[in-house]
Amino acid sequence: MKLWVDDVRPAPEGYNWVKSVNEAINEIIQAEASHRYNPFGDELPEVIDVDHDASSYASDGGDYIKLLDWLEETGRNYPIHIHSMNVVGVENMRRIIQRNGWREV
């Protein structure tokens, strides 16, 4: 599964599009549960492609950097791609990625 986390830009073909942090968390949890049931499936996120600013969806979990905070707090590790235009936001997200030794793609 490829996860596209963005409130405005539509997901590229082949991606699951979610618009809030809470939606993204639920999608990841469901994928992990499905993978435990069928470990030979390809349900786990192969990449989380994330924006920074959630705009009107911020009320449902915060800006998308909160997704990285949640991944860090829960010990999860998935490849991350940042597609945000927010330069400061990208730097902040990149710090979380580097601090955890995650792979940025």
PDB file of N, CA and C in Angstrom:
ATOM      1  N   MET A   1       0.834  -1.179   0.000  1.00  0.00           N
ATOM      2  CA  MET A   1       0.000   0.000   0.000  1.00  0.00           C
ATOM      3  C   MET A   1       0.882   1.246   0.000  1.00  0.00           C
ATOM      4  N   LYS A   2       0.501   2.199  -0.788  1.00  0.00           N
ATOM      5  CA  LYS A   2       1.138   3.511  -0.790  1.00  0.00           C
ATOM      6  C   LYS A   2       0.117   4.493  -0.230  1.00  0.00           C
ATOM      7  N   LEU A   3       0.542   5.277   0.750  1.00  0.00           N
ATOM      8  CA  LEU A   3      -0.371   6.180   1.439  1.00  0.00           C
ATOM      9  C   LEU A   3      -0.044   7.627   1.065  1.00  0.00           C
ATOM     10  N   TRP A   4      -1.029   8.352   0.567  1.00  0.00           N
ATOM     11  CA  TRP A   4      -0.900   9.758   0.177  1.00  0.00           C
ATOM     12  C   TRP A   4      -1.646  10.585   1.213  1.00  0.00           C
ATOM     13  N   VAL A   5      -0.916  11.444   1.940  1.00  0.00           N
ATOM     14  CA  VAL A   5      -1.501  12.235   3.014  1.00  0.00           C
ATOM     15  C   VAL A   5      -1.460  13.704   2.600  1.00  0.00           C
ATOM     16  N   ASP A   6      -2.630  14.215   2.179  1.00  0.00           N
ATOM     17  CA  ASP A   6      -2.709  15.572   1.659  1.00  0.00           C
ATOM     18  C   ASP A   6      -4.171  16.004   1.660  1.00  0.00           C
ATOM     19  N   ASP A   7      -4.412  17.254   1.976  1.00  0.00           N
ATOM     20  CA  ASP A   7      -5.787  17.743   2.027  1.00  0.00           C
ATOM     21  C   ASP A   7      -6.276  18.288   0.684  1.00  0.00           C
ATOM     22  N   VAL A   8      -5.367  18.628  -0.225  1.00  0.00           N
ATOM     23  CA  VAL A   8      -5.760  19.302  -1.461  1.00  0.00           C
ATOM     24  C   VAL A   8      -5.368  18.506  -2.709  1.00  0.00           C
ATOM     25  N   ARG A   9      -4.101  18.167  -2.801  1.00  0.00           N
ATOM     26  CA  ARG A   9      -3.611  17.504  -4.019  1.00  0.00           C
ATOM     27  C   ARG A   9      -4.111  16.061  -4.073  1.00  0.00           C
ATOM     28  N   PRO A  10      -4.749  15.688  -5.172  1.00  0.00           N
ATOM     29  CA  PRO A  10      -5.225  14.310  -5.299  1.00  0.00           C
ATOM     30  C   PRO A  10      -4.066  13.325  -5.365  1.00  0.00           C
ATOM     31  N   ALA A  11      -4.332  12.142  -4.895  1.00  0.00           N
ATOM     32  CA  ALA A  11      -3.307  11.090  -4.877  1.00  0.00           C
ATOM     33  C   ALA A  11      -2.982  10.619  -6.284  1.00  0.00           C
ATOM     34  N   PRO A  12      -1.715  10.327  -6.521  1.00  0.00           N
ATOM     35  CA  PRO A  12      -1.355   9.687  -7.790  1.00  0.00           C
ATOM     36  C   PRO A  12      -2.008   8.304  -7.864  1.00  0.00           C
ATOM     37  N   GLU A  13      -2.119   7.795  -9.049  1.00  0.00           N
ATOM     38  CA  GLU A  13      -2.685   6.462  -9.235  1.00  0.00           C
ATOM     39  C   GLU A  13      -1.894   5.444  -8.411  1.00  0.00           C
ATOM     40  N   GLY A  14      -2.615   4.552  -7.768  1.00  0.00           N
ATOM     41  CA  GLY A  14      -1.983   3.503  -6.978  1.00  0.00           C
ATOM     42  C   GLY A  14      -1.802   3.852  -5.513  1.00  0.00           C
ATOM     43  N   TYR A  15      -2.194   5.059  -5.124  1.00  0.00           N
ATOM     44  CA  TYR A  15      -2.068   5.492  -3.737  1.00  0.00           C
ATOM     45  C   TYR A  15      -3.438   5.518  -3.057  1.00  0.00           C
ATOM     46  N   ASN A  16      -3.462   5.242  -1.756  1.00  0.00           N
ATOM     47  CA  ASN A  16      -4.643   5.470  -0.935  1.00  0.00           C
ATOM     48  C   ASN A  16      -4.564   6.906  -0.433  1.00  0.00           C
ATOM     49  N   TRP A  17      -5.599   7.686  -0.689  1.00  0.00           N
ATOM     50  CA  TRP A  17      -5.612   9.110  -0.337  1.00  0.00           C
ATOM     51  C   TRP A  17      -6.350   9.316   0.969  1.00  0.00           C
ATOM     52  N   VAL A  18      -5.666   9.899   1.936  1.00  0.00           N
ATOM     53  CA  VAL A  18      -6.292  10.306   3.192  1.00  0.00           C
ATOM     54  C   VAL A  18      -6.026  11.789   3.382  1.00  0.00           C
ATOM     55  N   LYS A  19      -6.946  12.465   4.081  1.00  0.00           N
ATOM     56  CA  LYS A  19      -6.854  13.911   4.191  1.00  0.00           C
ATOM     57  C   LYS A  19      -6.575  14.408   5.597  1.00  0.00           C
ATOM     58  N   SER A  20      -6.544  13.506   6.574  1.00  0.00           N
ATOM     59  CA  SER A  20      -6.261  13.942   7.942  1.00  0.00           C
ATOM     60  C   SER A  20      -5.291  12.978   8.615  1.00  0.00           C
ATOM     61  N   VAL A  21      -4.685  13.452   9.690  1.00  0.00           N
ATOM     62  CA  VAL A  21      -3.770  12.625  10.472  1.00  0.00           C
ATOM     63  C   VAL A  21      -4.504  11.411  11.015  1.00  0.00           C
ATOM     64  N   ASN A  22      -5.691  11.629  11.561  1.00  0.00           N
ATOM     65  CA  ASN A  22      -6.432  10.509  12.139  1.00  0.00           C
ATOM     66  C   ASN A  22      -6.818   9.472  11.085  1.00  0.00           C
ATOM     67  N   GLU A  23      -7.162   9.920   9.886  1.00  0.00           N
ATOM     68  CA  GLU A  23      -7.433   8.983   8.786  1.00  0.00           C
ATOM     69  C   GLU A  23      -6.184   8.171   8.457  1.00  0.00           C
ATOM     70  N   ALA A  24      -5.039   8.840   8.408  1.00  0.00           N
ATOM     71  CA  ALA A  24      -3.782   8.154   8.094  1.00  0.00           C
ATOM     72  C   ALA A  24      -3.453   7.114   9.154  1.00  0.00           C
ATOM     73  N   ILE A  25      -3.601   7.492  10.417  1.00  0.00           N
ATOM     74  CA  ILE A  25      -3.335   6.551  11.508  1.00  0.00           C
ATOM     75  C   ILE A  25      -4.252   5.337  11.397  1.00  0.00           C
ATOM     76  N   ASN A  26      -5.531   5.573  11.156  1.00  0.00           N
ATOM     77  CA  ASN A  26      -6.471   4.455  11.016  1.00  0.00           C
ATOM     78  C   ASN A  26      -6.107   3.554   9.848  1.00  0.00           C
ATOM     79  N   GLU A  27      -5.690   4.154   8.747  1.00  0.00           N
ATOM     80  CA  GLU A  27      -5.298   3.374   7.564  1.00  0.00           C
ATOM     81  C   GLU A  27      -4.085   2.489   7.874  1.00  0.00           C
ATOM     82  N   ILE A  28      -3.110   3.048   8.578  1.00  0.00           N
ATOM     83  CA  ILE A  28      -1.912   2.286   8.940  1.00  0.00           C
ATOM     84  C   ILE A  28      -2.265   1.151   9.902  1.00  0.00           C
ATOM     85  N   ILE A  29      -3.070   1.447  10.914  1.00  0.00           N
ATOM     86  CA  ILE A  29      -3.464   0.426  11.889  1.00  0.00           C
ATOM     87  C   ILE A  29      -4.232  -0.702  11.201  1.00  0.00           C
ATOM     88  N   GLN A  30      -5.145  -0.353  10.303  1.00  0.00           N
ATOM     89  CA  GLN A  30      -5.902  -1.375   9.571  1.00  0.00           C
ATOM     90  C   GLN A  30      -4.988  -2.218   8.691  1.00  0.00           C
ATOM     91  N   ALA A  31      -4.024  -1.571   8.033  1.00  0.00           N
ATOM     92  CA  ALA A  31      -3.085  -2.305   7.182  1.00  0.00           C
ATOM     93  C   ALA A  31      -2.256  -3.276   8.011  1.00  0.00           C
ATOM     94  N   GLU A  32      -1.797  -2.826   9.167  1.00  0.00           N
ATOM     95  CA  GLU A  32      -1.002  -3.699  10.031  1.00  0.00           C
ATOM     96  C   GLU A  32      -1.829  -4.877  10.543  1.00  0.00           C
ATOM     97  N   ALA A  33      -3.088  -4.627  10.907  1.00  0.00           N
ATOM     98  CA  ALA A  33      -3.958  -5.703  11.377  1.00  0.00           C
ATOM     99  C   ALA A  33      -4.206  -6.710  10.262  1.00  0.00           C
ATOM    100  N   SER A  34      -4.435  -6.222   9.062  1.00  0.00           N
ATOM    101  CA  SER A  34      -4.650  -7.096   7.921  1.00  0.00           C
ATOM    102  C   SER A  34      -3.396  -7.919   7.630  1.00  0.00           C
ATOM    103  N   HIS A  35      -2.246  -7.284   7.765  1.00  0.00           N
ATOM    104  CA  HIS A  35      -0.971  -7.977   7.512  1.00  0.00           C
ATOM    105  C   HIS A  35      -0.738  -9.079   8.538  1.00  0.00           C
ATOM    106  N   ARG A  36      -1.127  -8.850   9.787  1.00  0.00           N
ATOM    107  CA  ARG A  36      -0.981  -9.895  10.807  1.00  0.00           C
ATOM    108  C   ARG A  36      -1.847 -11.101  10.453  1.00  0.00           C
ATOM    109  N   TYR A  37      -3.013 -10.836   9.873  1.00  0.00           N
ATOM    110  CA  TYR A  37      -3.924 -11.907   9.474  1.00  0.00           C
ATOM    111  C   TYR A  37      -3.399 -12.633   8.237  1.00  0.00           C
ATOM    112  N   ASN A  38      -2.813 -11.886   7.298  1.00  0.00           N
ATOM    113  CA  ASN A  38      -2.289 -12.451   6.063  1.00  0.00           C
ATOM    114  C   ASN A  38      -0.908 -11.869   5.792  1.00  0.00           C
ATOM    115  N   PRO A  39       0.141 -12.426   6.415  1.00  0.00           N
ATOM    116  CA  PRO A  39       1.486 -11.845   6.288  1.00  0.00           C
ATOM    117  C   PRO A  39       2.070 -11.906   4.876  1.00  0.00           C
ATOM    118  N   PHE A  40       1.441 -12.639   3.972  1.00  0.00           N
ATOM    119  CA  PHE A  40       1.953 -12.728   2.606  1.00  0.00           C
ATOM    120  C   PHE A  40       1.340 -11.676   1.688  1.00  0.00           C
ATOM    121  N   GLY A  41       0.403 -10.902   2.214  1.00  0.00           N
ATOM    122  CA  GLY A  41      -0.196  -9.828   1.440  1.00  0.00           C
ATOM    123  C   GLY A  41       0.735  -8.627   1.389  1.00  0.00           C
ATOM    124  N   ASP A  42       0.346  -7.612   0.657  1.00  0.00           N
ATOM    125  CA  ASP A  42       1.190  -6.420   0.521  1.00  0.00           C
ATOM    126  C   ASP A  42       0.513  -5.206   1.153  1.00  0.00           C
ATOM    127  N   GLU A  43      -0.155  -5.430   2.285  1.00  0.00           N
ATOM    128  CA  GLU A  43      -0.948  -4.373   2.893  1.00  0.00           C
ATOM    129  C   GLU A  43      -0.133  -3.313   3.628  1.00  0.00           C
ATOM    130  N   LEU A  44       1.041  -3.654   4.134  1.00  0.00           N
ATOM    131  CA  LEU A  44       1.821  -2.680   4.906  1.00  0.00           C
ATOM    132  C   LEU A  44       2.237  -1.510   4.012  1.00  0.00           C
ATOM    133  N   PRO A  45       2.291  -0.315   4.582  1.00  0.00           N
ATOM    134  CA  PRO A  45       2.704   0.833   3.769  1.00  0.00           C
ATOM    135  C   PRO A  45       4.120   0.665   3.217  1.00  0.00           C
ATOM    136  N   GLU A  46       4.241   0.745   1.907  1.00  0.00           N
ATOM    137  CA  GLU A  46       5.586   0.720   1.321  1.00  0.00           C
ATOM    138  C   GLU A  46       6.162   2.121   1.273  1.00  0.00           C
ATOM    139  N   VAL A  47       5.292   3.125   1.325  1.00  0.00           N
ATOM    140  CA  VAL A  47       5.722   4.511   1.440  1.00  0.00           C
ATOM    141  C   VAL A  47       4.555   5.331   1.993  1.00  0.00           C
ATOM    142  N   ILE A  48       4.895   6.303   2.829  1.00  0.00           N
ATOM    143  CA  ILE A  48       3.937   7.300   3.287  1.00  0.00           C
ATOM    144  C   ILE A  48       4.382   8.614   2.675  1.00  0.00           C
ATOM    145  N   ASP A  49       3.586   9.108   1.738  1.00  0.00           N
ATOM    146  CA  ASP A  49       3.900  10.328   0.994  1.00  0.00           C
ATOM    147  C   ASP A  49       3.094  11.456   1.622  1.00  0.00           C
ATOM    148  N   VAL A  50       3.773  12.383   2.288  1.00  0.00           N
ATOM    149  CA  VAL A  50       3.092  13.291   3.202  1.00  0.00           C
ATOM    150  C   VAL A  50       3.358  14.766   2.904  1.00  0.00           C
ATOM    151  N   ASP A  51       2.306  15.553   3.034  1.00  0.00           N
ATOM    152  CA  ASP A  51       2.367  17.002   2.993  1.00  0.00           C
ATOM    153  C   ASP A  51       2.625  17.470   4.434  1.00  0.00           C
ATOM    154  N   HIS A  52       2.737  18.754   4.648  1.00  0.00           N
ATOM    155  CA  HIS A  52       2.889  19.278   6.012  1.00  0.00           C
ATOM    156  C   HIS A  52       1.623  19.933   6.527  1.00  0.00           C
ATOM    157  N   ASP A  53       1.026  20.816   5.745  1.00  0.00           N
ATOM    158  CA  ASP A  53      -0.087  21.639   6.214  1.00  0.00           C
ATOM    159  C   ASP A  53      -1.427  20.968   5.921  1.00  0.00           C
ATOM    160  N   ALA A  54      -2.200  20.729   6.972  1.00  0.00           N
ATOM    161  CA  ALA A  54      -3.477  20.028   6.832  1.00  0.00           C
ATOM    162  C   ALA A  54      -4.656  20.968   6.636  1.00  0.00           C
ATOM    163  N   SER A  55      -4.448  22.271   6.715  1.00  0.00           N
ATOM    164  CA  SER A  55      -5.504  23.279   6.505  1.00  0.00           C
ATOM    165  C   SER A  55      -6.761  22.931   7.282  1.00  0.00           C
ATOM    166  N   SER A  56      -7.884  22.809   6.596  1.00  0.00           N
ATOM    167  CA  SER A  56      -9.154  22.581   7.290  1.00  0.00           C
ATOM    168  C   SER A  56      -9.238  21.201   7.934  1.00  0.00           C
ATOM    169  N   TYR A  57      -8.335  20.296   7.597  1.00  0.00           N
ATOM    170  CA  TYR A  57      -8.328  18.964   8.198  1.00  0.00           C
ATOM    171  C   TYR A  57      -7.468  18.914   9.466  1.00  0.00           C
ATOM    172  N   ALA A  58      -6.849  20.015   9.837  1.00  0.00           N
ATOM    173  CA  ALA A  58      -6.004  20.047  11.038  1.00  0.00           C
ATOM    174  C   ALA A  58      -6.804  19.741  12.300  1.00  0.00           C
ATOM    175  N   SER A  59      -8.103  19.994  12.262  1.00  0.00           N
ATOM    176  CA  SER A  59      -8.934  19.697  13.428  1.00  0.00           C
ATOM    177  C   SER A  59      -9.096  18.193  13.644  1.00  0.00           C
ATOM    178  N   ASP A  60      -8.678  17.383  12.682  1.00  0.00           N
ATOM    179  CA  ASP A  60      -8.777  15.929  12.785  1.00  0.00           C
ATOM    180  C   ASP A  60      -7.390  15.311  12.965  1.00  0.00           C
ATOM    181  N   GLY A  61      -6.657  15.818  13.957  1.00  0.00           N
ATOM    182  CA  GLY A  61      -5.360  15.230  14.283  1.00  0.00           C
ATOM    183  C   GLY A  61      -4.179  16.169  14.166  1.00  0.00           C
ATOM    184  N   GLY A  62      -4.385  17.365  13.649  1.00  0.00           N
ATOM    185  CA  GLY A  62      -3.297  18.335  13.544  1.00  0.00           C
ATOM    186  C   GLY A  62      -2.691  18.364  12.159  1.00  0.00           C
ATOM    187  N   ASP A  63      -1.651  19.199  12.011  1.00  0.00           N
ATOM    188  CA  ASP A  63      -0.907  19.201  10.756  1.00  0.00           C
ATOM    189  C   ASP A  63      -0.218  17.847  10.602  1.00  0.00           C
ATOM    190  N   TYR A  64       0.191  17.536   9.386  1.00  0.00           N
ATOM    191  CA  TYR A  64       0.662  16.187   9.076  1.00  0.00           C
ATOM    192  C   TYR A  64       1.957  15.806   9.775  1.00  0.00           C
ATOM    193  N   ILE A  65       2.690  16.762  10.303  1.00  0.00           N
ATOM    194  CA  ILE A  65       3.873  16.420  11.086  1.00  0.00           C
ATOM    195  C   ILE A  65       3.476  15.582  12.305  1.00  0.00           C
ATOM    196  N   LYS A  66       2.233  15.733  12.743  1.00  0.00           N
ATOM    197  CA  LYS A  66       1.733  14.942  13.874  1.00  0.00           C
ATOM    198  C   LYS A  66       1.684  13.456  13.534  1.00  0.00           C
ATOM    199  N   LEU A  67       1.553  13.129  12.258  1.00  0.00           N
ATOM    200  CA  LEU A  67       1.622  11.725  11.855  1.00  0.00           C
ATOM    201  C   LEU A  67       3.021  11.175  12.120  1.00  0.00           C
ATOM    202  N   LEU A  68       4.036  11.972  11.799  1.00  0.00           N
ATOM    203  CA  LEU A  68       5.409  11.532  12.075  1.00  0.00           C
ATOM    204  C   LEU A  68       5.636  11.423  13.577  1.00  0.00           C
ATOM    205  N   ASP A  69       5.071  12.352  14.348  1.00  0.00           N
ATOM    206  CA  ASP A  69       5.167  12.257  15.810  1.00  0.00           C
ATOM    207  C   ASP A  69       4.568  10.943  16.293  1.00  0.00           C
ATOM    208  N   TRP A  70       3.406  10.568  15.760  1.00  0.00           N
ATOM    209  CA  TRP A  70       2.744   9.328  16.149  1.00  0.00           C
ATOM    210  C   TRP A  70       3.581   8.113  15.759  1.00  0.00           C
ATOM    211  N   LEU A  71       4.136   8.121  14.552  1.00  0.00           N
ATOM    212  CA  LEU A  71       4.998   7.016  14.128  1.00  0.00           C
ATOM    213  C   LEU A  71       6.168   6.858  15.096  1.00  0.00           C
ATOM    214  N   GLU A  72       6.754   7.989  15.474  1.00  0.00           N
ATOM    215  CA  GLU A  72       7.884   7.972  16.400  1.00  0.00           C
ATOM    216  C   GLU A  72       7.456   7.443  17.770  1.00  0.00           C
ATOM    217  N   GLU A  73       6.365   7.964  18.296  1.00  0.00           N
ATOM    218  CA  GLU A  73       5.893   7.568  19.628  1.00  0.00           C
ATOM    219  C   GLU A  73       5.541   6.089  19.709  1.00  0.00           C
ATOM    220  N   THR A  74       5.080   5.517  18.597  1.00  0.00           N
ATOM    221  CA  THR A  74       4.642   4.121  18.603  1.00  0.00           C
ATOM    222  C   THR A  74       5.702   3.165  18.062  1.00  0.00           C
ATOM    223  N   GLY A  75       6.877   3.692  17.716  1.00  0.00           N
ATOM    224  CA  GLY A  75       7.977   2.841  17.270  1.00  0.00           C
ATOM    225  C   GLY A  75       7.805   2.264  15.875  1.00  0.00           C
ATOM    226  N   ARG A  76       6.993   2.897  15.055  1.00  0.00           N
ATOM    227  CA  ARG A  76       6.798   2.417  13.690  1.00  0.00           C
ATOM    228  C   ARG A  76       7.870   3.008  12.776  1.00  0.00           C
ATOM    229  N   ASN A  77       8.132   2.306  11.679  1.00  0.00           N
ATOM    230  CA  ASN A  77       9.174   2.739  10.754  1.00  0.00           C
ATOM    231  C   ASN A  77       8.760   2.374   9.333  1.00  0.00           C
ATOM    232  N   TYR A  78       8.347   3.365   8.585  1.00  0.00           N
ATOM    233  CA  TYR A  78       7.990   3.182   7.180  1.00  0.00           C
ATOM    234  C   TYR A  78       8.731   4.234   6.363  1.00  0.00           C
ATOM    235  N   PRO A  79       9.074   3.922   5.102  1.00  0.00           N
ATOM    236  CA  PRO A  79       9.696   4.935   4.250  1.00  0.00           C
ATOM    237  C   PRO A  79       8.772   6.141   4.099  1.00  0.00           C
ATOM    238  N   ILE A  80       9.362   7.327   4.165  1.00  0.00           N
ATOM    239  CA  ILE A  80       8.609   8.575   4.106  1.00  0.00           C
ATOM    240  C   ILE A  80       9.067   9.382   2.898  1.00  0.00           C
ATOM    241  N   HIS A  81       8.095   9.953   2.200  1.00  0.00           N
ATOM    242  CA  HIS A  81       8.391  10.939   1.170  1.00  0.00           C
ATOM    243  C   HIS A  81       7.618  12.202   1.528  1.00  0.00           C
ATOM    244  N   ILE A  82       8.296  13.332   1.531  1.00  0.00           N
ATOM    245  CA  ILE A  82       7.661  14.615   1.853  1.00  0.00           C
ATOM    246  C   ILE A  82       7.428  15.372   0.550  1.00  0.00           C
ATOM    247  N   HIS A  83       6.180  15.767   0.309  1.00  0.00           N
ATOM    248  CA  HIS A  83       5.884  16.538  -0.904  1.00  0.00           C
ATOM    249  C   HIS A  83       5.348  17.936  -0.569  1.00  0.00           C
ATOM    250  N   SER A  84       5.694  18.446   0.580  1.00  0.00           N
ATOM    251  CA  SER A  84       5.217  19.752   1.036  1.00  0.00           C
ATOM    252  C   SER A  84       6.009  20.889   0.400  1.00  0.00           C
ATOM    253  N   MET A  85       5.326  22.020   0.229  1.00  0.00           N
ATOM    254  CA  MET A  85       5.974  23.240  -0.245  1.00  0.00           C
ATOM    255  C   MET A  85       6.383  24.136   0.926  1.00  0.00           C
ATOM    256  N   ASN A  86       6.035  23.738   2.147  1.00  0.00           N
ATOM    257  CA  ASN A  86       6.342  24.500   3.348  1.00  0.00           C
ATOM    258  C   ASN A  86       7.784  24.195   3.762  1.00  0.00           C
ATOM    259  N   VAL A  87       8.692  25.102   3.476  1.00  0.00           N
ATOM    260  CA  VAL A  87      10.125  24.872   3.684  1.00  0.00           C
ATOM    261  C   VAL A  87      10.447  24.580   5.152  1.00  0.00           C
ATOM    262  N   VAL A  88       9.899  25.368   6.058  1.00  0.00           N
ATOM    263  CA  VAL A  88      10.154  25.159   7.486  1.00  0.00           C
ATOM    264  C   VAL A  88       9.530  23.841   7.935  1.00  0.00           C
ATOM    265  N   GLY A  89       8.323  23.560   7.458  1.00  0.00           N
ATOM    266  CA  GLY A  89       7.669  22.297   7.794  1.00  0.00           C
ATOM    267  C   GLY A  89       8.476  21.098   7.326  1.00  0.00           C
ATOM    268  N   VAL A  90       9.010  21.182   6.118  1.00  0.00           N
ATOM    269  CA  VAL A  90       9.834  20.094   5.583  1.00  0.00           C
ATOM    270  C   VAL A  90      11.060  19.888   6.462  1.00  0.00           C
ATOM    271  N   GLU A  91      11.718  20.962   6.862  1.00  0.00           N
ATOM    272  CA  GLU A  91      12.893  20.850   7.729  1.00  0.00           C
ATOM    273  C   GLU A  91      12.534  20.169   9.046  1.00  0.00           C
ATOM    274  N   ASN A  92      11.409  20.557   9.630  1.00  0.00           N
ATOM    275  CA  ASN A  92      10.981  19.957  10.896  1.00  0.00           C
ATOM    276  C   ASN A  92      10.661  18.470  10.730  1.00  0.00           C
ATOM    277  N   MET A  93      10.012  18.130   9.640  1.00  0.00           N
ATOM    278  CA  MET A  93       9.689  16.724   9.381  1.00  0.00           C
ATOM    279  C   MET A  93      10.957  15.920   9.123  1.00  0.00           C
ATOM    280  N   ARG A  94      11.875  16.508   8.399  1.00  0.00           N
ATOM    281  CA  ARG A  94      13.130  15.830   8.082  1.00  0.00           C
ATOM    282  C   ARG A  94      13.937  15.546   9.360  1.00  0.00           C
ATOM    283  N   ARG A  95      13.865  16.449  10.321  1.00  0.00           N
ATOM    284  CA  ARG A  95      14.559  16.221  11.601  1.00  0.00           C
ATOM    285  C   ARG A  95      14.019  14.973  12.297  1.00  0.00           C
ATOM    286  N   ILE A  96      12.712  14.790  12.264  1.00  0.00           N
ATOM    287  CA  ILE A  96      12.115  13.599  12.880  1.00  0.00           C
ATOM    288  C   ILE A  96      12.573  12.344  12.144  1.00  0.00           C
ATOM    289  N   ILE A  97      12.575  12.402  10.821  1.00  0.00           N
ATOM    290  CA  ILE A  97      13.014  11.260  10.017  1.00  0.00           C
ATOM    291  C   ILE A  97      14.457  10.904  10.334  1.00  0.00           C
ATOM    292  N   GLN A  98      15.321  11.900  10.357  1.00  0.00           N
ATOM    293  CA  GLN A  98      16.743  11.654  10.610  1.00  0.00           C
ATOM    294  C   GLN A  98      16.998  11.178  12.033  1.00  0.00           C
ATOM    295  N   ARG A  99      16.302  11.764  12.995  1.00  0.00           N
ATOM    296  CA  ARG A  99      16.478  11.381  14.402  1.00  0.00           C
ATOM    297  C   ARG A  99      16.153   9.902  14.611  1.00  0.00           C
ATOM    298  N   ASN A 100      15.208   9.389  13.847  1.00  0.00           N
ATOM    299  CA  ASN A 100      14.783   7.999  14.009  1.00  0.00           C
ATOM    300  C   ASN A 100      15.493   7.035  13.052  1.00  0.00           C
ATOM    301  N   GLY A 101      16.310   7.559  12.161  1.00  0.00           N
ATOM    302  CA  GLY A 101      17.008   6.713  11.209  1.00  0.00           C
ATOM    303  C   GLY A 101      16.083   6.097  10.164  1.00  0.00           C
ATOM    304  N   TRP A 102      14.952   6.778   9.921  1.00  0.00           N
ATOM    305  CA  TRP A 102      14.025   6.289   8.915  1.00  0.00           C
ATOM    306  C   TRP A 102      14.561   6.595   7.532  1.00  0.00           C
ATOM    307  N   ARG A 103      14.027   5.902   6.550  1.00  0.00           N
ATOM    308  CA  ARG A 103      14.430   6.109   5.166  1.00  0.00           C
ATOM    309  C   ARG A 103      13.517   7.145   4.526  1.00  0.00           C
ATOM    310  N   GLU A 104      14.127   8.223   4.017  1.00  0.00           N
ATOM    311  CA  GLU A 104      13.372   9.210   3.253  1.00  0.00           C
ATOM    312  C   GLU A 104      13.559   8.904   1.784  1.00  0.00           C
ATOM    313  N   VAL A 105      12.452   8.775   1.083  1.00  0.00           N
ATOM    314  CA  VAL A 105      12.513   8.418  -0.350  1.00  0.00           C
ATOM    315  C   VAL A 105      12.010   9.575  -1.187  1.00  0.00           C
TER     316      VAL A 105
END
